[in-house]
Amino acid sequence: NGRPLASGPIKKTLTSANLSEAFGAEVNLRK
């Protein structure tokens, strides 16, 4: 919504929790 939800090193910012909030649905991130 035009605001920074998370910003920084990818290991800390690219998480299931942050992406779930960003896209408005529960998602699971795997590497």
PDB file of all heavy atoms in Angstrom:
ATOM      1  N   ASN A   1       0.825  -1.222   0.000  1.00  0.00           N
ATOM      2  CA  ASN A   1       0.000   0.000   0.000  1.00  0.00           C
ATOM      3  C   ASN A   1       0.856   1.267   0.000  1.00  0.00           C
ATOM      4  O   ASN A   1       0.555   2.244   0.688  1.00  0.00           O
ATOM      5  CB  ASN A   1      -0.939   0.017   1.203  1.00  0.00           C
ATOM      6  CG  ASN A   1      -1.930  -1.134   1.183  1.00  0.00           C
ATOM      7  OD1 ASN A   1      -2.329  -1.601   0.118  1.00  0.00           O
ATOM      8  ND2 ASN A   1      -2.332  -1.600   2.354  1.00  0.00           N
ATOM      9  N   GLY A   2       1.943   1.235  -0.778  1.00  0.00           N
ATOM     10  CA  GLY A   2       2.783   2.415  -0.922  1.00  0.00           C
ATOM     11  C   GLY A   2       3.776   2.638   0.191  1.00  0.00           C
ATOM     12  O   GLY A   2       4.515   3.616   0.176  1.00  0.00           O
ATOM     13  N   ARG A   3       3.815   1.752   1.156  1.00  0.00           N
ATOM     14  CA  ARG A   3       4.712   1.914   2.299  1.00  0.00           C
ATOM     15  C   ARG A   3       5.701   0.746   2.371  1.00  0.00           C
ATOM     16  O   ARG A   3       5.362  -0.372   1.995  1.00  0.00           O
ATOM     17  CB  ARG A   3       3.912   1.996   3.601  1.00  0.00           C
ATOM     18  CG  ARG A   3       3.051   3.252   3.719  1.00  0.00           C
ATOM     19  CD  ARG A   3       2.269   3.247   5.028  1.00  0.00           C
ATOM     20  NE  ARG A   3       1.609   4.513   5.273  1.00  0.00           N
ATOM     21  CZ  ARG A   3       0.418   4.835   4.781  1.00  0.00           C
ATOM     22  NH1 ARG A   3      -0.241   3.955   4.029  1.00  0.00           N
ATOM     23  NH2 ARG A   3      -0.119   6.012   5.050  1.00  0.00           N
ATOM     24  N   PRO A   4       6.901   1.014   2.882  1.00  0.00           N
ATOM     25  CA  PRO A   4       7.870  -0.079   3.034  1.00  0.00           C
ATOM     26  C   PRO A   4       7.455  -1.018   4.163  1.00  0.00           C
ATOM     27  O   PRO A   4       7.338  -0.594   5.313  1.00  0.00           O
ATOM     28  CB  PRO A   4       9.177   0.643   3.349  1.00  0.00           C
ATOM     29  CG  PRO A   4       8.760   1.968   3.935  1.00  0.00           C
ATOM     30  CD  PRO A   4       7.472   2.328   3.274  1.00  0.00           C
ATOM     31  N   LEU A   5       7.219  -2.268   3.826  1.00  0.00           N
ATOM     32  CA  LEU A   5       6.881  -3.280   4.821  1.00  0.00           C
ATOM     33  C   LEU A   5       8.141  -3.882   5.429  1.00  0.00           C
ATOM     34  O   LEU A   5       8.207  -4.154   6.630  1.00  0.00           O
ATOM     35  CB  LEU A   5       6.030  -4.376   4.174  1.00  0.00           C
ATOM     36  CG  LEU A   5       5.688  -5.599   5.014  1.00  0.00           C
ATOM     37  CD1 LEU A   5       4.800  -5.205   6.188  1.00  0.00           C
ATOM     38  CD2 LEU A   5       4.983  -6.653   4.159  1.00  0.00           C
ATOM     39  N   ALA A   6       9.156  -4.094   4.597  1.00  0.00           N
ATOM     40  CA  ALA A   6      10.434  -4.629   5.059  1.00  0.00           C
ATOM     41  C   ALA A   6      11.519  -4.189   4.093  1.00  0.00           C
ATOM     42  O   ALA A   6      11.290  -4.107   2.886  1.00  0.00           O
ATOM     43  CB  ALA A   6      10.396  -6.157   5.150  1.00  0.00           C
ATOM     44  N   SER A   7      12.694  -3.909   4.625  1.00  0.00           N
ATOM     45  CA  SER A   7      13.804  -3.459   3.788  1.00  0.00           C
ATOM     46  C   SER A   7      15.117  -3.828   4.458  1.00  0.00           C
ATOM     47  O   SER A   7      15.300  -3.567   5.655  1.00  0.00           O
ATOM     48  CB  SER A   7      13.735  -1.940   3.588  1.00  0.00           C
ATOM     49  OG  SER A   7      14.818  -1.478   2.820  1.00  0.00           O
ATOM     50  N   GLY A   8      16.008  -4.463   3.689  1.00  0.00           N
ATOM     51  CA  GLY A   8      17.299  -4.811   4.250  1.00  0.00           C
ATOM     52  C   GLY A   8      17.848  -6.092   3.667  1.00  0.00           C
ATOM     53  O   GLY A   8      17.408  -6.545   2.601  1.00  0.00           O
ATOM     54  N   PRO A   9      18.814  -6.703   4.353  1.00  0.00           N
ATOM     55  CA  PRO A   9      19.411  -7.957   3.863  1.00  0.00           C
ATOM     56  C   PRO A   9      18.348  -8.997   3.575  1.00  0.00           C
ATOM     57  O   PRO A   9      17.389  -9.168   4.332  1.00  0.00           O
ATOM     58  CB  PRO A   9      20.316  -8.385   5.024  1.00  0.00           C
ATOM     59  CG  PRO A   9      20.680  -7.104   5.697  1.00  0.00           C
ATOM     60  CD  PRO A   9      19.462  -6.234   5.593  1.00  0.00           C
ATOM     61  N   ILE A  10      18.512  -9.691   2.461  1.00  0.00           N
ATOM     62  CA  ILE A  10      17.459 -10.574   1.959  1.00  0.00           C
ATOM     63  C   ILE A  10      17.154 -11.716   2.923  1.00  0.00           C
ATOM     64  O   ILE A  10      16.009 -12.183   3.008  1.00  0.00           O
ATOM     65  CB  ILE A  10      17.863 -11.102   0.558  1.00  0.00           C
ATOM     66  CG1 ILE A  10      16.622 -11.533  -0.220  1.00  0.00           C
ATOM     67  CG2 ILE A  10      18.896 -12.203   0.639  1.00  0.00           C
ATOM     68  CD1 ILE A  10      16.870 -11.705  -1.702  1.00  0.00           C
ATOM     69  N   LYS A  11      18.137 -12.161   3.695  1.00  0.00           N
ATOM     70  CA  LYS A  11      17.903 -13.261   4.626  1.00  0.00           C
ATOM     71  C   LYS A  11      16.930 -12.871   5.729  1.00  0.00           C
ATOM     72  O   LYS A  11      16.237 -13.724   6.288  1.00  0.00           O
ATOM     73  CB  LYS A  11      19.224 -13.720   5.232  1.00  0.00           C
ATOM     74  CG  LYS A  11      20.156 -14.404   4.242  1.00  0.00           C
ATOM     75  CD  LYS A  11      21.435 -14.856   4.921  1.00  0.00           C
ATOM     76  CE  LYS A  11      22.359 -15.558   3.931  1.00  0.00           C
ATOM     77  NZ  LYS A  11      23.627 -16.012   4.576  1.00  0.00           N
ATOM     78  N   LYS A  12      16.868 -11.568   6.038  1.00  0.00           N
ATOM     79  CA  LYS A  12      15.981 -11.103   7.100  1.00  0.00           C
ATOM     80  C   LYS A  12      14.641 -10.608   6.574  1.00  0.00           C
ATOM     81  O   LYS A  12      13.627 -10.684   7.280  1.00  0.00           O
ATOM     82  CB  LYS A  12      16.667  -9.986   7.895  1.00  0.00           C
ATOM     83  CG  LYS A  12      17.903 -10.435   8.655  1.00  0.00           C
ATOM     84  CD  LYS A  12      18.488  -9.286   9.463  1.00  0.00           C
ATOM     85  CE  LYS A  12      19.699  -9.746  10.274  1.00  0.00           C
ATOM     86  NZ  LYS A  12      20.289  -8.642  11.084  1.00  0.00           N
ATOM     87  N   THR A  13      14.627 -10.082   5.368  1.00  0.00           N
ATOM     88  CA  THR A  13      13.407  -9.454   4.853  1.00  0.00           C
ATOM     89  C   THR A  13      12.533 -10.406   4.044  1.00  0.00           C
ATOM     90  O   THR A  13      11.309 -10.303   4.087  1.00  0.00           O
ATOM     91  CB  THR A  13      13.760  -8.250   3.968  1.00  0.00           C
ATOM     92  OG1 THR A  13      14.671  -8.662   2.953  1.00  0.00           O
ATOM     93  CG2 THR A  13      14.395  -7.145   4.779  1.00  0.00           C
ATOM     94  N   LEU A  14      13.154 -11.316   3.295  1.00  0.00           N
ATOM     95  CA  LEU A  14      12.379 -12.201   2.428  1.00  0.00           C
ATOM     96  C   LEU A  14      11.952 -13.422   3.241  1.00  0.00           C
ATOM     97  O   LEU A  14      12.639 -14.456   3.262  1.00  0.00           O
ATOM     98  CB  LEU A  14      13.208 -12.614   1.207  1.00  0.00           C
ATOM     99  CG  LEU A  14      12.402 -13.090  -0.016  1.00  0.00           C
ATOM    100  CD1 LEU A  14      11.491 -12.001  -0.518  1.00  0.00           C
ATOM    101  CD2 LEU A  14      13.338 -13.537  -1.129  1.00  0.00           C
ATOM    102  N   THR A  15      10.803 -13.287   3.903  1.00  0.00           N
ATOM    103  CA  THR A  15      10.290 -14.341   4.773  1.00  0.00           C
ATOM    104  C   THR A  15       8.838 -14.637   4.430  1.00  0.00           C
ATOM    105  O   THR A  15       8.151 -13.820   3.808  1.00  0.00           O
ATOM    106  CB  THR A  15      10.369 -13.926   6.249  1.00  0.00           C
ATOM    107  OG1 THR A  15       9.481 -12.804   6.470  1.00  0.00           O
ATOM    108  CG2 THR A  15      11.786 -13.532   6.639  1.00  0.00           C
ATOM    109  N   SER A  16       8.382 -15.799   4.871  1.00  0.00           N
ATOM    110  CA  SER A  16       6.978 -16.168   4.652  1.00  0.00           C
ATOM    111  C   SER A  16       6.049 -15.152   5.291  1.00  0.00           C
ATOM    112  O   SER A  16       5.019 -14.769   4.711  1.00  0.00           O
ATOM    113  CB  SER A  16       6.708 -17.567   5.222  1.00  0.00           C
ATOM    114  OG  SER A  16       7.463 -18.550   4.552  1.00  0.00           O
ATOM    115  N   ALA A  17       6.391 -14.699   6.499  1.00  0.00           N
ATOM    116  CA  ALA A  17       5.538 -13.748   7.208  1.00  0.00           C
ATOM    117  C   ALA A  17       5.425 -12.425   6.460  1.00  0.00           C
ATOM    118  O   ALA A  17       4.323 -11.874   6.300  1.00  0.00           O
ATOM    119  CB  ALA A  17       6.086 -13.522   8.615  1.00  0.00           C
ATOM    120  N   ASN A  18       6.551 -11.889   5.995  1.00  0.00           N
ATOM    121  CA  ASN A  18       6.516 -10.607   5.287  1.00  0.00           C
ATOM    122  C   ASN A  18       5.770 -10.716   3.963  1.00  0.00           C
ATOM    123  O   ASN A  18       4.981  -9.827   3.590  1.00  0.00           O
ATOM    124  CB  ASN A  18       7.932 -10.111   5.033  1.00  0.00           C
ATOM    125  CG  ASN A  18       8.579  -9.538   6.284  1.00  0.00           C
ATOM    126  OD1 ASN A  18       7.895  -9.146   7.231  1.00  0.00           O
ATOM    127  ND2 ASN A  18       9.904  -9.490   6.300  1.00  0.00           N
ATOM    128  N   LEU A  19       5.990 -11.802   3.232  1.00  0.00           N
ATOM    129  CA  LEU A  19       5.313 -11.963   1.943  1.00  0.00           C
ATOM    130  C   LEU A  19       3.826 -12.232   2.137  1.00  0.00           C
ATOM    131  O   LEU A  19       2.995 -11.794   1.332  1.00  0.00           O
ATOM    132  CB  LEU A  19       5.973 -13.086   1.142  1.00  0.00           C
ATOM    133  CG  LEU A  19       7.404 -12.785   0.673  1.00  0.00           C
ATOM    134  CD1 LEU A  19       7.998 -14.007  -0.024  1.00  0.00           C
ATOM    135  CD2 LEU A  19       7.435 -11.577  -0.256  1.00  0.00           C
ATOM    136  N   SER A  20       3.454 -12.939   3.191  1.00  0.00           N
ATOM    137  CA  SER A  20       2.033 -13.171   3.479  1.00  0.00           C
ATOM    138  C   SER A  20       1.328 -11.847   3.729  1.00  0.00           C
ATOM    139  O   SER A  20       0.222 -11.606   3.232  1.00  0.00           O
ATOM    140  CB  SER A  20       1.876 -14.091   4.696  1.00  0.00           C
ATOM    141  OG  SER A  20       2.362 -15.385   4.421  1.00  0.00           O
ATOM    142  N   GLU A  21       1.979 -10.969   4.486  1.00  0.00           N
ATOM    143  CA  GLU A  21       1.383  -9.657   4.753  1.00  0.00           C
ATOM    144  C   GLU A  21       1.351  -8.800   3.494  1.00  0.00           C
ATOM    145  O   GLU A  21       0.373  -8.093   3.232  1.00  0.00           O
ATOM    146  CB  GLU A  21       2.161  -8.946   5.856  1.00  0.00           C
ATOM    147  CG  GLU A  21       1.526  -7.631   6.273  1.00  0.00           C
ATOM    148  CD  GLU A  21       2.172  -7.007   7.489  1.00  0.00           C
ATOM    149  OE1 GLU A  21       2.993  -7.685   8.151  1.00  0.00           O
ATOM    150  OE2 GLU A  21       1.856  -5.837   7.778  1.00  0.00           O
ATOM    151  N   ALA A  22       2.402  -8.869   2.700  1.00  0.00           N
ATOM    152  CA  ALA A  22       2.475  -8.041   1.495  1.00  0.00           C
ATOM    153  C   ALA A  22       1.400  -8.416   0.485  1.00  0.00           C
ATOM    154  O   ALA A  22       0.790  -7.543  -0.151  1.00  0.00           O
ATOM    155  CB  ALA A  22       3.855  -8.162   0.853  1.00  0.00           C
ATOM    156  N   PHE A  23       1.132  -9.724   0.326  1.00  0.00           N
ATOM    157  CA  PHE A  23       0.185 -10.188  -0.685  1.00  0.00           C
ATOM    158  C   PHE A  23      -1.199 -10.486  -0.121  1.00  0.00           C
ATOM    159  O   PHE A  23      -2.108 -10.876  -0.856  1.00  0.00           O
ATOM    160  CB  PHE A  23       0.746 -11.420  -1.397  1.00  0.00           C
ATOM    161  CG  PHE A  23       1.945 -11.118  -2.258  1.00  0.00           C
ATOM    162  CD1 PHE A  23       3.214 -11.507  -1.879  1.00  0.00           C
ATOM    163  CD2 PHE A  23       1.803 -10.416  -3.447  1.00  0.00           C
ATOM    164  CE1 PHE A  23       4.323 -11.227  -2.662  1.00  0.00           C
ATOM    165  CE2 PHE A  23       2.899 -10.118  -4.246  1.00  0.00           C
ATOM    166  CZ  PHE A  23       4.161 -10.521  -3.851  1.00  0.00           C
ATOM    167  N   GLY A  24      -1.369 -10.317   1.176  1.00  0.00           N
ATOM    168  CA  GLY A  24      -2.690 -10.468   1.775  1.00  0.00           C
ATOM    169  C   GLY A  24      -3.217 -11.882   1.790  1.00  0.00           C
ATOM    170  O   GLY A  24      -4.432 -12.105   1.741  1.00  0.00           O
ATOM    171  N   ALA A  25      -2.330 -12.854   1.850  1.00  0.00           N
ATOM    172  CA  ALA A  25      -2.730 -14.271   1.909  1.00  0.00           C
ATOM    173  C   ALA A  25      -1.570 -15.058   2.499  1.00  0.00           C
ATOM    174  O   ALA A  25      -0.405 -14.681   2.349  1.00  0.00           O
ATOM    175  CB  ALA A  25      -3.088 -14.809   0.528  1.00  0.00           C
ATOM    176  N   GLU A  26      -1.897 -16.150   3.169  1.00  0.00           N
ATOM    177  CA  GLU A  26      -0.844 -16.953   3.774  1.00  0.00           C
ATOM    178  C   GLU A  26      -0.065 -17.698   2.694  1.00  0.00           C
ATOM    179  O   GLU A  26      -0.633 -18.457   1.912  1.00  0.00           O
ATOM    180  CB  GLU A  26      -1.435 -17.960   4.766  1.00  0.00           C
ATOM    181  CG  GLU A  26      -0.369 -18.741   5.525  1.00  0.00           C
ATOM    182  CD  GLU A  26      -0.950 -19.743   6.493  1.00  0.00           C
ATOM    183  OE1 GLU A  26      -2.187 -19.774   6.644  1.00  0.00           O
ATOM    184  OE2 GLU A  26      -0.165 -20.516   7.086  1.00  0.00           O
ATOM    185  N   VAL A  27       1.240 -17.462   2.672  1.00  0.00           N
ATOM    186  CA  VAL A  27       2.108 -18.124   1.707  1.00  0.00           C
ATOM    187  C   VAL A  27       3.290 -18.739   2.442  1.00  0.00           C
ATOM    188  O   VAL A  27       3.651 -18.317   3.545  1.00  0.00           O
ATOM    189  CB  VAL A  27       2.622 -17.143   0.622  1.00  0.00           C
ATOM    190  CG1 VAL A  27       1.476 -16.580  -0.198  1.00  0.00           C
ATOM    191  CG2 VAL A  27       3.428 -16.014   1.257  1.00  0.00           C
ATOM    192  N   ASN A  28       3.872 -19.732   1.817  1.00  0.00           N
ATOM    193  CA  ASN A  28       5.046 -20.398   2.377  1.00  0.00           C
ATOM    194  C   ASN A  28       6.228 -20.213   1.432  1.00  0.00           C
ATOM    195  O   ASN A  28       6.141 -20.556   0.252  1.00  0.00           O
ATOM    196  CB  ASN A  28       4.774 -21.896   2.577  1.00  0.00           C
ATOM    197  CG  ASN A  28       3.684 -22.144   3.593  1.00  0.00           C
ATOM    198  OD1 ASN A  28       3.633 -21.486   4.630  1.00  0.00           O
ATOM    199  ND2 ASN A  28       2.799 -23.094   3.306  1.00  0.00           N
ATOM    200  N   LEU A  29       7.306 -19.651   1.976  1.00  0.00           N
ATOM    201  CA  LEU A  29       8.511 -19.403   1.186  1.00  0.00           C
ATOM    202  C   LEU A  29       9.549 -20.469   1.515  1.00  0.00           C
ATOM    203  O   LEU A  29       9.812 -20.757   2.680  1.00  0.00           O
ATOM    204  CB  LEU A  29       9.084 -18.020   1.509  1.00  0.00           C
ATOM    205  CG  LEU A  29      10.372 -17.636   0.772  1.00  0.00           C
ATOM    206  CD1 LEU A  29      10.076 -17.360  -0.698  1.00  0.00           C
ATOM    207  CD2 LEU A  29      11.012 -16.413   1.429  1.00  0.00           C
ATOM    208  N   ARG A  30      10.128 -21.036   0.470  1.00  0.00           N
ATOM    209  CA  ARG A  30      11.179 -22.019   0.649  1.00  0.00           C
ATOM    210  C   ARG A  30      12.367 -21.655  -0.234  1.00  0.00           C
ATOM    211  O   ARG A  30      12.201 -21.058  -1.290  1.00  0.00           O
ATOM    212  CB  ARG A  30      10.688 -23.425   0.281  1.00  0.00           C
ATOM    213  CG  ARG A  30       9.589 -23.963   1.198  1.00  0.00           C
ATOM    214  CD  ARG A  30       9.175 -25.353   0.785  1.00  0.00           C
ATOM    215  NE  ARG A  30       8.127 -25.890   1.659  1.00  0.00           N
ATOM    216  CZ  ARG A  30       7.581 -27.086   1.512  1.00  0.00           C
ATOM    217  NH1 ARG A  30       7.982 -27.877   0.511  1.00  0.00           N
ATOM    218  NH2 ARG A  30       6.642 -27.494   2.337  1.00  0.00           N
ATOM    219  N   LYS A  31      13.541 -22.044   0.224  1.00  0.00           N
ATOM    220  CA  LYS A  31      14.755 -21.822  -0.546  1.00  0.00           C
ATOM    221  C   LYS A  31      15.406 -23.157  -0.832  1.00  0.00           C
ATOM    222  O   LYS A  31      15.651 -23.951   0.088  1.00  0.00           O
ATOM    223  CB  LYS A  31      15.720 -20.923   0.217  1.00  0.00           C
ATOM    224  CG  LYS A  31      16.959 -20.520  -0.579  1.00  0.00           C
ATOM    225  CD  LYS A  31      17.812 -19.543   0.209  1.00  0.00           C
ATOM    226  CE  LYS A  31      19.018 -19.083  -0.606  1.00  0.00           C
ATOM    227  NZ  LYS A  31      19.865 -18.123   0.137  1.00  0.00           N
TER     228      LYS A  31
END
